[in-house]
C-alpha atoms as a PDB file:
ATOM      1  CA  MET A   1    -145.875  62.151  43.256  1.00  0.00           C
ATOM      2  CA  SER A   2    -143.690  64.120  45.956  1.00  0.00           C
ATOM      3  CA  ASN A   3    -142.751  67.583  45.472  1.00  0.00           C
ATOM      4  CA  ASP A   4    -139.135  66.818  45.117  1.00  0.00           C
ATOM      5  CA  ASP A   5    -139.558  64.967  41.964  1.00  0.00           C
ATOM      6  CA  ASP A   6    -138.300  66.610  38.965  1.00  0.00           C
ATOM      7  CA  ASP A   7    -140.326  64.966  36.488  1.00  0.00           C
ATOM      8  CA  ARG A   8    -143.861  65.748  37.719  1.00  0.00           C
ATOM      9  CA  ARG A   9    -145.466  64.841  34.215  1.00  0.00           C
ATOM     10  CA  LEU A  10    -144.415  61.164  34.594  1.00  0.00           C
ATOM     11  CA  GLU A  11    -147.598  59.356  35.324  1.00  0.00           C
ATOM     12  CA  PRO A  12    -147.408  57.156  38.466  1.00  0.00           C
ATOM     13  CA  THR A  13    -148.431  54.020  36.473  1.00  0.00           C
ATOM     14  CA  ALA A  14    -145.210  54.598  34.329  1.00  0.00           C
ATOM     15  CA  VAL A  15    -143.057  54.642  37.424  1.00  0.00           C
ATOM     16  CA  GLN A  16    -144.692  51.543  38.750  1.00  0.00           C
ATOM     17  CA  ASP A  17    -144.062  49.662  35.640  1.00  0.00           C
ATOM     18  CA  ARG A  18    -140.603  50.688  35.363  1.00  0.00           C
ATOM     19  CA  LEU A  19    -139.984  49.645  38.979  1.00  0.00           C
ATOM     20  CA  ILE A  20    -141.589  46.250  38.482  1.00  0.00           C
ATOM     21  CA  ARG A  21    -139.769  45.520  35.201  1.00  0.00           C
ATOM     22  CA  THR A  22    -136.335  46.571  37.194  1.00  0.00           C
ATOM     23  CA  ARG A  23    -137.029  44.264  39.960  1.00  0.00           C
ATOM     24  CA  ASP A  24    -137.836  41.204  37.467  1.00  0.00           C
ATOM     25  CA  GLU A  25    -134.567  42.184  35.536  1.00  0.00           C
ATOM     26  CA  LEU A  26    -132.488  42.235  38.712  1.00  0.00           C
ATOM     27  CA  LEU A  27    -133.802  38.972  40.134  1.00  0.00           C
ATOM     28  CA  HIS A  28    -132.890  37.196  36.716  1.00  0.00           C
ATOM     29  CA  LYS A  29    -129.664  39.051  35.841  1.00  0.00           C
ATOM     30  CA  VAL A  30    -126.169  37.808  36.700  1.00  0.00           C
ATOM     31  CA  TRP A  31    -124.232  40.117  38.583  1.00  0.00           C
ATOM     32  CA  GLY A  32    -121.672  41.771  36.645  1.00  0.00           C
ATOM     33  CA  GLU A  33    -123.390  42.075  33.372  1.00  0.00           C
ATOM     34  CA  THR A  34    -123.933  45.893  34.187  1.00  0.00           C
ATOM     35  CA  PRO A  35    -121.336  47.994  35.842  1.00  0.00           C
ATOM     36  CA  ALA A  36    -121.851  49.357  39.137  1.00  0.00           C
ATOM     37  CA  LEU A  37    -122.322  53.078  40.015  1.00  0.00           C
ATOM     38  CA  PHE A  38    -120.406  54.496  43.021  1.00  0.00           C
ATOM     39  CA  ASN A  39    -121.236  57.111  45.487  1.00  0.00           C
ATOM     40  CA  HIS A  40    -119.185  58.565  48.477  1.00  0.00           C
ATOM     41  CA  ALA A  41    -120.207  56.822  51.768  1.00  0.00           C
ATOM     42  CA  VAL A  42    -120.878  60.112  53.461  1.00  0.00           C
ATOM     43  CA  LEU A  43    -123.067  61.368  50.383  1.00  0.00           C
ATOM     44  CA  CYS A  44    -125.095  58.275  50.859  1.00  0.00           C
ATOM     45  CA  SER A  45    -126.274  59.533  54.514  1.00  0.00           C
ATOM     46  CA  VAL A  46    -126.484  63.502  53.735  1.00  0.00           C
ATOM     47  CA  GLY A  47    -127.638  64.529  50.440  1.00  0.00           C
ATOM     48  CA  LEU A  48    -128.266  67.565  48.306  1.00  0.00           C
ATOM     49  CA  PRO A  49    -131.336  69.912  48.396  1.00  0.00           C
ATOM     50  CA  TYR A  50    -134.539  68.390  46.679  1.00  0.00           C
ATOM     51  CA  ARG A  51    -135.600  71.670  44.882  1.00  0.00           C
ATOM     52  CA  ASN A  52    -134.191  74.783  43.642  1.00  0.00           C
ATOM     53  CA  LEU A  53    -133.813  76.823  46.675  1.00  0.00           C
ATOM     54  CA  GLY A  54    -133.024  79.975  44.434  1.00  0.00           C
ATOM     55  CA  ASP A  55    -129.628  81.464  43.505  1.00  0.00           C
ATOM     56  CA  ASP A  56    -129.822  83.978  46.507  1.00  0.00           C
ATOM     57  CA  VAL A  57    -129.629  80.867  48.992  1.00  0.00           C
ATOM     58  CA  ARG A  58    -125.839  80.372  49.243  1.00  0.00           C
ATOM     59  CA  THR A  59    -125.567  77.614  51.793  1.00  0.00           C
ATOM     60  CA  PHE A  60    -127.458  74.335  52.583  1.00  0.00           C
ATOM     61  CA  GLN A  61    -127.132  72.083  55.697  1.00  0.00           C
ATOM     62  CA  ARG A  62    -128.240  68.623  56.422  1.00  0.00           C
ATOM     63  CA  THR A  63    -127.447  66.049  59.496  1.00  0.00           C
ATOM     64  CA  SER A  64    -127.542  62.480  59.942  1.00  0.00           C
ATOM     65  CA  GLY A  65    -126.641  61.076  63.211  1.00  0.00           C
ATOM     66  CA  THR A  66    -122.995  62.184  64.109  1.00  0.00           C
ATOM     67  CA  THR A  67    -122.535  63.599  60.445  1.00  0.00           C
ATOM     68  CA  SER A  68    -123.212  66.938  59.113  1.00  0.00           C
ATOM     69  CA  LEU A  69    -122.876  68.301  55.725  1.00  0.00           C
ATOM     70  CA  GLN A  70    -123.073  72.051  54.424  1.00  0.00           C
ATOM     71  CA  LEU A  71    -122.875  72.986  50.866  1.00  0.00           C
ATOM     72  CA  GLN A  72    -121.962  76.557  49.925  1.00  0.00           C
ATOM     73  CA  ALA A  73    -122.823  77.764  46.229  1.00  0.00           C
ATOM     74  CA  GLY A  74    -120.178  78.960  44.073  1.00  0.00           C
ATOM     75  CA  ALA A  75    -119.552  81.179  41.073  1.00  0.00           C
ATOM     76  CA  ILE A  76    -118.703  80.366  37.392  1.00  0.00           C
ATOM     77  CA  PRO A  77    -116.661  82.522  34.897  1.00  0.00           C
ATOM     78  CA  ASN A  78    -118.419  84.652  32.541  1.00  0.00           C
ATOM     79  CA  HIS A  79    -117.409  85.790  29.021  1.00  0.00           C
ATOM     80  CA  GLU A  80    -116.377  89.288  30.236  1.00  0.00           C
ATOM     81  CA  GLY A  81    -113.522  87.937  32.361  1.00  0.00           C
ATOM     82  CA  GLY A  82    -115.529  88.308  35.802  1.00  0.00           C
ATOM     83  CA  PHE A  83    -117.700  85.708  37.826  1.00  0.00           C
ATOM     84  CA  ASP A  84    -121.425  85.149  38.152  1.00  0.00           C
ATOM     85  CA  ASN A  85    -123.026  83.487  41.210  1.00  0.00           C
ATOM     86  CA  ILE A  86    -124.725  80.353  40.500  1.00  0.00           C
ATOM     87  CA  GLY A  87    -127.104  78.392  42.851  1.00  0.00           C
ATOM     88  CA  LEU A  88    -126.800  75.114  44.561  1.00  0.00           C
ATOM     89  CA  PRO A  89    -127.066  71.992  42.770  1.00  0.00           C
ATOM     90  CA  PHE A  90    -130.628  70.264  43.339  1.00  0.00           C
ATOM     91  CA  GLY A  91    -133.073  67.468  42.474  1.00  0.00           C
ATOM     92  CA  PRO A  92    -132.538  64.131  40.810  1.00  0.00           C
ATOM     93  CA  ARG A  93    -130.635  65.390  37.964  1.00  0.00           C
ATOM     94  CA  ALA A  94    -128.008  66.761  40.299  1.00  0.00           C
ATOM     95  CA  ARG A  95    -127.783  63.312  42.215  1.00  0.00           C
ATOM     96  CA  LEU A  96    -127.549  61.352  38.935  1.00  0.00           C
ATOM     97  CA  LEU A  97    -124.728  63.637  37.731  1.00  0.00           C
ATOM     98  CA  LEU A  98    -122.743  63.136  41.060  1.00  0.00           C
ATOM     99  CA  LEU A  99    -123.289  59.485  40.855  1.00  0.00           C
ATOM    100  CA  HIS A 100    -121.774  59.458  37.347  1.00  0.00           C
ATOM    101  CA  LEU A 101    -118.783  61.505  38.226  1.00  0.00           C
ATOM    102  CA  CYS A 102    -118.007  59.440  41.250  1.00  0.00           C
ATOM    103  CA  SER A 103    -118.447  56.111  39.110  1.00  0.00           C
ATOM    104  CA  GLN A 104    -116.061  57.467  36.394  1.00  0.00           C
ATOM    105  CA  ALA A 105    -113.484  58.407  38.834  1.00  0.00           C
ATOM    106  CA  VAL A 106    -113.600  55.170  40.760  1.00  0.00           C
ATOM    107  CA  ARG A 107    -113.757  52.964  37.454  1.00  0.00           C
ATOM    108  CA  GLU A 108    -110.920  54.878  35.775  1.00  0.00           C
ATOM    109  CA  GLN A 109    -109.041  55.499  39.034  1.00  0.00           C
ATOM    110  CA  SER A 110    -108.589  59.136  37.773  1.00  0.00           C
ATOM    111  CA  PRO A 111    -109.777  62.259  39.368  1.00  0.00           C
ATOM    112  CA  VAL A 112    -110.040  63.982  35.918  1.00  0.00           C
ATOM    113  CA  ILE A 113    -113.438  63.462  34.220  1.00  0.00           C
ATOM    114  CA  GLU A 114    -114.546  64.449  30.798  1.00  0.00           C
ATOM    115  CA  VAL A 115    -117.928  65.489  31.301  1.00  0.00           C
ATOM    116  CA  GLN A 116    -119.765  66.205  28.059  1.00  0.00           C
ATOM    117  CA  ASP A 117    -119.240  62.785  26.137  1.00  0.00           C
ATOM    118  CA  SER A 118    -119.197  60.365  29.309  1.00  0.00           C
ATOM    119  CA  PHE A 119    -122.411  62.046  30.873  1.00  0.00           C
ATOM    120  CA  THR A 120    -124.270  62.048  27.572  1.00  0.00           C
ATOM    121  CA  ALA A 121    -123.579  58.354  27.195  1.00  0.00           C
ATOM    122  CA  PHE A 122    -124.604  57.811  30.869  1.00  0.00           C
ATOM    123  CA  ALA A 123    -127.892  59.999  30.489  1.00  0.00           C
ATOM    124  CA  ARG A 124    -128.862  57.680  27.632  1.00  0.00           C
ATOM    125  CA  GLU A 125    -128.174  54.684  29.520  1.00  0.00           C
ATOM    126  CA  LEU A 126    -130.606  55.702  32.248  1.00  0.00           C
ATOM    127  CA  GLY A 127    -133.276  56.606  29.500  1.00  0.00           C
ATOM    128  CA  LEU A 128    -132.940  60.415  29.861  1.00  0.00           C
ATOM    129  CA  ALA A 129    -133.239  62.930  26.914  1.00  0.00           C
ATOM    130  CA  THR A 130    -130.081  64.690  26.020  1.00  0.00           C
ATOM    131  CA  THR A 131    -131.821  67.361  23.993  1.00  0.00           C
ATOM    132  CA  GLY A 132    -133.900  70.454  24.412  1.00  0.00           C
ATOM    133  CA  ARG A 133    -135.149  71.608  27.931  1.00  0.00           C
ATOM    134  CA  ASN A 134    -133.612  68.499  29.594  1.00  0.00           C
ATOM    135  CA  LEU A 135    -130.126  68.873  27.970  1.00  0.00           C
ATOM    136  CA  ARG A 136    -130.205  72.486  29.530  1.00  0.00           C
ATOM    137  CA  THR A 137    -131.414  71.026  33.011  1.00  0.00           C
ATOM    138  CA  LEU A 138    -128.431  68.685  32.918  1.00  0.00           C
ATOM    139  CA  ARG A 139    -125.904  71.478  31.754  1.00  0.00           C
ATOM    140  CA  ASP A 140    -127.260  73.637  34.493  1.00  0.00           C
ATOM    141  CA  GLN A 141    -126.538  70.938  37.311  1.00  0.00           C
ATOM    142  CA  VAL A 142    -122.876  70.325  35.946  1.00  0.00           C
ATOM    143  CA  ASN A 143    -122.352  73.970  36.166  1.00  0.00           C
ATOM    144  CA  ARG A 144    -123.637  74.103  39.798  1.00  0.00           C
ATOM    145  CA  MET A 145    -122.090  70.848  40.884  1.00  0.00           C
ATOM    146  CA  SER A 146    -118.674  72.008  39.350  1.00  0.00           C
ATOM    147  CA  VAL A 147    -118.135  75.026  41.931  1.00  0.00           C
ATOM    148  CA  VAL A 148    -120.052  73.916  44.811  1.00  0.00           C
ATOM    149  CA  SER A 149    -117.776  73.605  48.037  1.00  0.00           C
ATOM    150  CA  MET A 150    -118.675  71.466  51.041  1.00  0.00           C
ATOM    151  CA  ARG A 151    -117.895  71.162  54.717  1.00  0.00           C
ATOM    152  CA  LEU A 152    -118.074  67.485  55.864  1.00  0.00           C
ATOM    153  CA  ALA A 153    -118.215  67.158  59.864  1.00  0.00           C
ATOM    154  CA  ARG A 154    -118.025  63.771  61.770  1.00  0.00           C
ATOM    155  CA  ARG A 155    -118.674  64.241  65.724  1.00  0.00           C
ATOM    156  CA  HIS A 156    -116.696  61.772  67.921  1.00  0.00           C
ATOM    157  CA  ALA A 157    -116.856  61.438  71.818  1.00  0.00           C
ATOM    158  CA  THR A 158    -114.078  63.912  72.438  1.00  0.00           C
ATOM    159  CA  PHE A 159    -113.372  65.548  68.923  1.00  0.00           C
ATOM    160  CA  THR A 160    -114.816  66.437  65.635  1.00  0.00           C
ATOM    161  CA  ASP A 161    -113.202  65.675  62.063  1.00  0.00           C
ATOM    162  CA  MET A 162    -114.058  67.934  59.299  1.00  0.00           C
ATOM    163  CA  PHE A 163    -113.103  68.203  55.551  1.00  0.00           C
ATOM    164  CA  GLN A 164    -113.777  71.626  53.676  1.00  0.00           C
ATOM    165  CA  GLY A 165    -113.124  72.599  50.258  1.00  0.00           C
ATOM    166  CA  HIS A 166    -114.184  72.181  46.812  1.00  0.00           C
ATOM    167  CA  VAL A 167    -115.366  68.934  45.395  1.00  0.00           C
ATOM    168  CA  PHE A 168    -113.614  69.789  42.218  1.00  0.00           C
ATOM    169  CA  SER A 169    -110.516  71.631  42.357  1.00  0.00           C
ATOM    170  CA  LYS A 170    -110.235  72.265  38.637  1.00  0.00           C
ATOM    171  CA  LEU A 171    -112.631  72.808  35.683  1.00  0.00           C
ATOM    172  CA  ARG A 172    -112.802  73.791  32.021  1.00  0.00           C
ATOM    173  CA  ALA A 173    -115.746  75.977  31.276  1.00  0.00           C
ATOM    174  CA  GLU A 174    -116.454  76.298  27.389  1.00  0.00           C
ATOM    175  CA  TYR A 175    -118.285  78.741  25.338  1.00  0.00           C
ATOM    176  CA  PRO A 176    -121.309  77.719  23.426  1.00  0.00           C
ATOM    177  CA  ASN A 177    -121.789  77.695  19.905  1.00  0.00           C
ATOM    178  CA  ASP A 178    -125.504  78.216  20.191  1.00  0.00           C
ATOM    179  CA  PRO A 179    -126.385  81.611  21.717  1.00  0.00           C
ATOM    180  CA  ASN A 180    -129.716  79.788  23.078  1.00  0.00           C
ATOM    181  CA  GLN A 181    -127.647  77.599  25.170  1.00  0.00           C
ATOM    182  CA  LEU A 182    -126.275  78.159  28.486  1.00  0.00           C
ATOM    183  CA  PRO A 183    -123.614  80.984  28.810  1.00  0.00           C
ATOM    184  CA  LEU A 184    -121.054  78.153  29.620  1.00  0.00           C
ATOM    185  CA  TRP A 185    -120.533  74.438  29.617  1.00  0.00           C
ATOM    186  CA  THR A 186    -118.413  72.716  32.196  1.00  0.00           C
ATOM    187  CA  SER A 187    -116.776  70.171  30.077  1.00  0.00           C
ATOM    188  CA  ILE A 188    -114.035  68.891  32.273  1.00  0.00           C
ATOM    189  CA  VAL A 189    -113.670  68.737  35.958  1.00  0.00           C
ATOM    190  CA  GLU A 190    -111.101  67.405  38.379  1.00  0.00           C
ATOM    191  CA  PHE A 191    -111.825  66.259  41.840  1.00  0.00           C
ATOM    192  CA  SER A 192    -109.814  67.853  44.455  1.00  0.00           C
ATOM    193  CA  PRO A 193    -107.040  65.375  45.923  1.00  0.00           C
ATOM    194  CA  GLU A 194    -108.719  65.276  49.198  1.00  0.00           C
ATOM    195  CA  PHE A 195    -112.119  64.454  48.083  1.00  0.00           C
ATOM    196  CA  TYR A 196    -110.911  62.056  45.296  1.00  0.00           C
ATOM    197  CA  ALA A 197    -108.615  60.113  47.925  1.00  0.00           C
ATOM    198  CA  SER A 198    -111.656  59.863  50.268  1.00  0.00           C
ATOM    199  CA  LEU A 199    -113.760  58.725  47.640  1.00  0.00           C
ATOM    200  CA  ILE A 200    -111.559  55.863  46.646  1.00  0.00           C
ATOM    201  CA  THR A 201    -111.539  54.675  49.985  1.00  0.00           C
ATOM    202  CA  HIS A 202    -115.092  55.129  50.830  1.00  0.00           C
ATOM    203  CA  ALA A 203    -116.684  54.393  47.638  1.00  0.00           C
ATOM    204  CA  VAL A 204    -120.135  52.521  48.079  1.00  0.00           C
ATOM    205  CA  PRO A 205    -121.175  50.489  45.015  1.00  0.00           C
ATOM    206  CA  MET A 206    -124.947  50.084  43.707  1.00  0.00           C
ATOM    207  CA  ARG A 207    -126.846  48.763  40.853  1.00  0.00           C
ATOM    208  CA  LEU A 208    -127.213  51.168  37.795  1.00  0.00           C
ATOM    209  CA  GLU A 209    -130.449  49.340  36.937  1.00  0.00           C
ATOM    210  CA  ALA A 210    -131.998  50.433  40.368  1.00  0.00           C
ATOM    211  CA  ILE A 211    -130.793  53.938  39.992  1.00  0.00           C
ATOM    212  CA  ALA A 212    -132.244  54.290  36.509  1.00  0.00           C
ATOM    213  CA  ALA A 213    -135.476  53.030  37.702  1.00  0.00           C
ATOM    214  CA  LEU A 214    -135.597  55.795  40.483  1.00  0.00           C
ATOM    215  CA  LYS A 215    -134.403  58.585  38.471  1.00  0.00           C
ATOM    216  CA  HIS A 216    -137.631  60.533  38.638  1.00  0.00           C
ATOM    217  CA  SER A 217    -137.310  61.116  42.430  1.00  0.00           C
ATOM    218  CA  ALA A 218    -134.470  62.855  44.516  1.00  0.00           C
ATOM    219  CA  ARG A 219    -135.844  61.294  47.713  1.00  0.00           C
ATOM    220  CA  ALA A 220    -136.025  57.862  46.497  1.00  0.00           C
ATOM    221  CA  LEU A 221    -132.445  58.157  45.038  1.00  0.00           C
ATOM    222  CA  ASP A 222    -131.346  59.380  48.540  1.00  0.00           C
ATOM    223  CA  LEU A 223    -133.053  56.522  50.103  1.00  0.00           C
ATOM    224  CA  TYR A 224    -131.666  53.711  47.744  1.00  0.00           C
ATOM    225  CA  CYS A 225    -128.162  55.172  48.312  1.00  0.00           C
ATOM    226  CA  TRP A 226    -128.506  55.381  52.150  1.00  0.00           C
ATOM    227  CA  LEU A 227    -130.005  51.872  52.360  1.00  0.00           C
ATOM    228  CA  SER A 228    -127.243  50.542  50.139  1.00  0.00           C
ATOM    229  CA  HIS A 229    -124.616  51.830  52.629  1.00  0.00           C
ATOM    230  CA  ARG A 230    -126.537  51.361  56.002  1.00  0.00           C
ATOM    231  CA  LEU A 231    -128.245  47.990  55.977  1.00  0.00           C
ATOM    232  CA  TRP A 232    -125.018  45.553  55.640  1.00  0.00           C
ATOM    233  CA  ARG A 233    -123.598  47.441  58.586  1.00  0.00           C
ATOM    234  CA  VAL A 234    -126.488  46.762  61.015  1.00  0.00           C
ATOM    235  CA  LYS A 235    -125.081  44.173  63.515  1.00  0.00           C
ATOM    236  CA  PRO A 236    -126.685  40.663  63.114  1.00  0.00           C
ATOM    237  CA  ASN A 237    -129.745  40.188  65.313  1.00  0.00           C
ATOM    238  CA  LYS A 238    -129.572  43.822  66.601  1.00  0.00           C
ATOM    239  CA  PRO A 239    -132.319  45.749  64.490  1.00  0.00           C
ATOM    240  CA  VAL A 240    -131.926  49.607  64.739  1.00  0.00           C
ATOM    241  CA  ASP A 241    -135.349  51.639  65.372  1.00  0.00           C
ATOM    242  CA  LEU A 242    -135.196  55.041  63.628  1.00  0.00           C
ATOM    243  CA  SER A 243    -137.807  57.650  64.635  1.00  0.00           C
ATOM    244  CA  TRP A 244    -139.625  59.910  62.138  1.00  0.00           C
ATOM    245  CA  TYR A 245    -138.122  63.040  63.765  1.00  0.00           C
ATOM    246  CA  VAL A 246    -134.495  61.557  63.061  1.00  0.00           C
ATOM    247  CA  LEU A 247    -135.470  60.709  59.470  1.00  0.00           C
ATOM    248  CA  ARG A 248    -136.949  63.983  58.845  1.00  0.00           C
ATOM    249  CA  ASP A 249    -133.554  65.618  59.772  1.00  0.00           C
ATOM    250  CA  GLN A 250    -131.899  63.193  57.448  1.00  0.00           C
ATOM    251  CA  PHE A 251    -134.084  63.339  54.418  1.00  0.00           C
ATOM    252  CA  GLY A 252    -136.820  65.976  55.029  1.00  0.00           C
ATOM    253  CA  THR A 253    -137.233  69.655  53.803  1.00  0.00           C
ATOM    254  CA  GLU A 254    -136.904  72.678  55.854  1.00  0.00           C
ATOM    255  CA  GLY A 255    -140.059  73.338  58.051  1.00  0.00           C
ATOM    256  CA  GLN A 256    -141.734  70.089  56.757  1.00  0.00           C
ATOM    257  CA  ASN A 257    -144.227  68.977  59.261  1.00  0.00           C
ATOM    258  CA  ILE A 258    -143.897  65.035  60.305  1.00  0.00           C
ATOM    259  CA  LYS A 259    -147.341  64.110  58.641  1.00  0.00           C
ATOM    260  CA  SER A 260    -146.257  65.619  55.367  1.00  0.00           C
ATOM    261  CA  PHE A 261    -142.777  63.984  55.684  1.00  0.00           C
ATOM    262  CA  LYS A 262    -144.075  60.737  56.656  1.00  0.00           C
ATOM    263  CA  ARG A 263    -146.227  60.579  53.612  1.00  0.00           C
ATOM    264  CA  ALA A 264    -143.652  61.626  51.173  1.00  0.00           C
ATOM    265  CA  PHE A 265    -140.975  59.382  52.706  1.00  0.00           C
ATOM    266  CA  VAL A 266    -143.143  56.255  52.646  1.00  0.00           C
ATOM    267  CA  SER A 267    -144.157  56.869  49.199  1.00  0.00           C
ATOM    268  CA  ALA A 268    -140.417  57.103  48.207  1.00  0.00           C
ATOM    269  CA  LEU A 269    -139.491  53.901  50.308  1.00  0.00           C
ATOM    270  CA  ARG A 270    -142.046  51.724  48.756  1.00  0.00           C
ATOM    271  CA  GLN A 271    -140.582  52.435  45.329  1.00  0.00           C
ATOM    272  CA  VAL A 272    -137.020  51.827  46.728  1.00  0.00           C
ATOM    273  CA  LEU A 273    -137.938  48.552  48.160  1.00  0.00           C
ATOM    274  CA  VAL A 274    -139.311  47.398  44.938  1.00  0.00           C
ATOM    275  CA  VAL A 275    -135.743  47.403  43.335  1.00  0.00           C
ATOM    276  CA  TYR A 276    -134.139  46.636  46.440  1.00  0.00           C
ATOM    277  CA  PRO A 277    -136.082  43.611  47.517  1.00  0.00           C
ATOM    278  CA  GLU A 278    -133.167  42.086  50.003  1.00  0.00           C
ATOM    279  CA  ALA A 279    -133.754  45.298  52.048  1.00  0.00           C
ATOM    280  CA  LYS A 280    -135.039  44.473  55.499  1.00  0.00           C
ATOM    281  CA  VAL A 281    -137.125  47.648  56.371  1.00  0.00           C
ATOM    282  CA  LEU A 282    -140.256  47.654  58.457  1.00  0.00           C
ATOM    283  CA  GLU A 283    -142.587  50.525  59.255  1.00  0.00           C
ATOM    284  CA  ILE A 284    -143.109  50.509  63.032  1.00  0.00           C
ATOM    285  CA  LYS A 285    -144.985  52.970  65.247  1.00  0.00           C
ATOM    286  CA  GLY A 286    -143.244  56.139  65.375  1.00  0.00           C
ATOM    287  CA  GLY A 287    -140.700  55.174  62.638  1.00  0.00           C
ATOM    288  CA  LEU A 288    -138.658  52.519  60.880  1.00  0.00           C
ATOM    289  CA  LYS A 289    -136.873  49.298  62.051  1.00  0.00           C
ATOM    290  CA  ILE A 290    -133.878  48.267  59.830  1.00  0.00           C
ATOM    291  CA  GLN A 291    -132.142  45.052  59.905  1.00  0.00           C
ATOM    292  CA  GLU A 292    -128.974  43.743  58.750  1.00  0.00           C
ATOM    293  CA  SER A 293    -129.541  43.151  55.013  1.00  0.00           C
ATOM    294  CA  PRO A 294    -127.069  42.001  52.072  1.00  0.00           C
ATOM    295  CA  PRO A 295    -126.049  45.303  50.104  1.00  0.00           C
ATOM    296  CA  PRO A 296    -127.384  45.341  46.526  1.00  0.00           C
ATOM    297  CA  VAL A 297    -123.942  44.651  45.103  1.00  0.00           C
ATOM    298  CA  PRO A 298    -121.843  41.589  46.474  1.00  0.00           C
ATOM    299  CA  PHE A 299    -118.782  42.103  48.558  1.00  0.00           C
ATOM    300  CA  SER A 300    -116.592  41.227  45.419  1.00  0.00           C
ATOM    301  CA  LYS A 301    -114.445  44.126  45.986  1.00  0.00           C
ATOM    302  CA  PRO A 302    -114.788  44.808  49.937  1.00  0.00           C
ATOM    303  CA  ALA A 303    -112.023  47.829  49.751  1.00  0.00           C
ATOM    304  CA  LEU A 304    -114.762  49.652  48.058  1.00  0.00           C
ATOM    305  CA  PHE A 305    -116.997  50.001  50.976  1.00  0.00           C
ATOM    306  CA  ALA A 306    -116.640  52.258  54.015  1.00  0.00           C
ATOM    307  CA  PRO A 307    -115.290  50.457  57.072  1.00  0.00           C
ATOM    308  CA  ARG A 308    -117.786  49.235  59.492  1.00  0.00           C
ATOM    309  CA  GLY A 309    -116.634  51.053  62.466  1.00  0.00           C
ATOM    310  CA  GLY A 310    -116.410  54.506  61.064  1.00  0.00           C
ATOM    311  CA  ALA A 311    -119.168  55.216  58.655  1.00  0.00           C
ATOM    312  CA  ALA A 312    -121.850  57.481  59.125  1.00  0.00           C
ATOM    313  CA  ARG A 313    -125.509  56.340  59.981  1.00  0.00           C
END
């Protein structure tokens, strides 16, 4: 398994079995029986760190075509009335958390999310344990995500648009009853007005079943989100070729050589294509060829998709 996977103890055969079961389930299930999940269109193209970069690393940047993302780690209040630096969100758990929070905001049409109860139910829906070490990991990612800030830039021919600010403008951090728990537990978050308005306009729906099947791999989750958003916007009969170098900038890790990146990328892509069989993606010499494909969620609510003309690659 790739080094960006959070659960290294999961046997490959277990992953393969889960992917195959999910594919069969998706082929036979009537759409609408399970609620969709939602991600922001830009975050489908530029994602979070794959691994823990350390609390001393305060910024992270990723680029996809004309879109760039920079994350800045934040600080969380402590018991003494001060603030403690906390690292950047990372790995598959952070991605699942962000998907959940975005989905709750879109479904409820509200920027305020009660994290604890809703995310516990979501984690169980995905088959994630909500006790012990896994609970500590989930809570840690909630805290990291709740205080991160971002800069999103999109370059045009003669100008650049940029959003900057916190994803969440307000939060409630509760003290634990158990001294062995994390120092604080972010129980309520509120999306910033700017991010929330953009999310509602540019929400990309995807299948919960597929996300659950890919929960072990940060890179596979990124690829599924990217393909869910990108493929339906490819022009008919005009496939797009993407080089390994371009893909490495978007999905690689710092300093990763092409051979290592390609091996990890192809492994994750093959898993994604099992649960997104409609995706028309071919490996070619020097990279990938992507062709127009139906999105995993039908266009029952077109307004929830980003406009064809302005979305990121």
